[in-house]
């Protein structure tokens, strides 16, 4: 049963909304925790085979990290370099402080990982309460936040953030409404409001979604049912392989016509099994009580069974997972794959993943374009987000892995075709320079130009100064 929220000094409609959102979070909690377990390789094998596999094999910790591989392989190709603004200078409105204070480069990467795991995460802009910090940007997992999407505006009507729990009981939360932020926590067994603030920014939050559809606008997980099924099947193949190595990896010996006394020590006690197996030269006397035809003991050997069937099954599942995650076979397969023979063949093997990354950053950009300008407006003490901020956009790193030489060569050809690009930041980007290198290059150029102008002024002043001893 979901927890009931009753905040003081707010109307019943708001309390009912908070309770409903908490219930919505609980309904998706089991699924989201399952996806988290797959990503963290905490998913345990389900017992199957009708009890054929001994219990101890389920306690060996045999797990596969394919879910994390599928998520991280895509996430590492979706890197936000910075926000850009063609209509002005972002630093004039506190963008650098917002970027550095919130560590947006790192935080966005973490949010992308959670978005790929659960299909959804949330970006929120706010002002600090205790420290008075302004223009904060935080990201929340679908395990800790939920809201209602407006199908008309395509934005959020509200958002509930769980900030603390005592076991499964929520003890602190934040509720974002249109123009209102309410923060509350349980004190001495009762809910108390610790912050109630009004602002002109509507609901300063936006969902980051992965692969939304018209009927599922809040996205879907990258760890699909098919991928989970293949990973579970491969885990069972690992169990069978482990059992094979324990039971069938040693050759079997059958001894016909021998007296059991040969497996006893001189004092008549049974010889340990390891001693029987480790003997290299064995002499077995004829049985004096048997007929001559049956007196000679005969030893038969049965070679160990090959683990090849289990390895082939595991390799098949790995390739199925690779197809599901749009990865090349070389990312997860064990055998039967060829390394790329050239840069072109390597690119061809990555095309599906690159296309997936390009589509993913297109889906993530609207949330960042909505939240970052709000944070900048909050930091600047503005009453609204300026209309000019609508042109602020995201600059993502190219999901392709291109060598610096190739990038410089391609950029050089573009700059040669349009020479004036060489005098702009865009031209330096085309040549493959990083943001830090561009900033340093432009700063050094500006200093050099300033020194040149200063030298010119000094020379002009020297030429215009009257010679010694000359009076007017």
Foldseek 3Di string as FASTA:
>chain_A
DFDQDDEPPDDPVVSVVQSVFSVVLVVCQVVLVVLVCLQVQNDFFDDDPPCPQDPVLSVPSQTDNLSVLLLVLLLVLWFFQAWDAPPDDVVVLPLVVLCVVQVCRVQVSVLSSLCQSAQKKKWFFDADDPVRRFLYIHIGHSNFKDFDADPVVRFTQKMKGQDDADVPHGFWIWIFHFQWIWTWGADPNHIYTPDIGGANQTRLMGMQGAPADPVRNSYGHLCDPLNVVLRSVLSVLVSVLVVLCVPQQAKDKDKALADLQQQADPVRHGHDPVVVVPDDDDDTAFDPVDDPVRRDMDMDIGHGDDSVVSLVSNQVSQVSSCVSSLAASVSGGDDDDDDDPDPVSVCVSCVSSQVSSVVSNVSRWVRCLRNNQVSSCRNSVHRYRDPSSNSITTDTDRSDDDDLVVQQVQLVVVCVVVVVLVVDPVSVVSSPDRPVRSVVVVVVVVVVVVVVVVVVVVVVVVVPDDDPPDDD
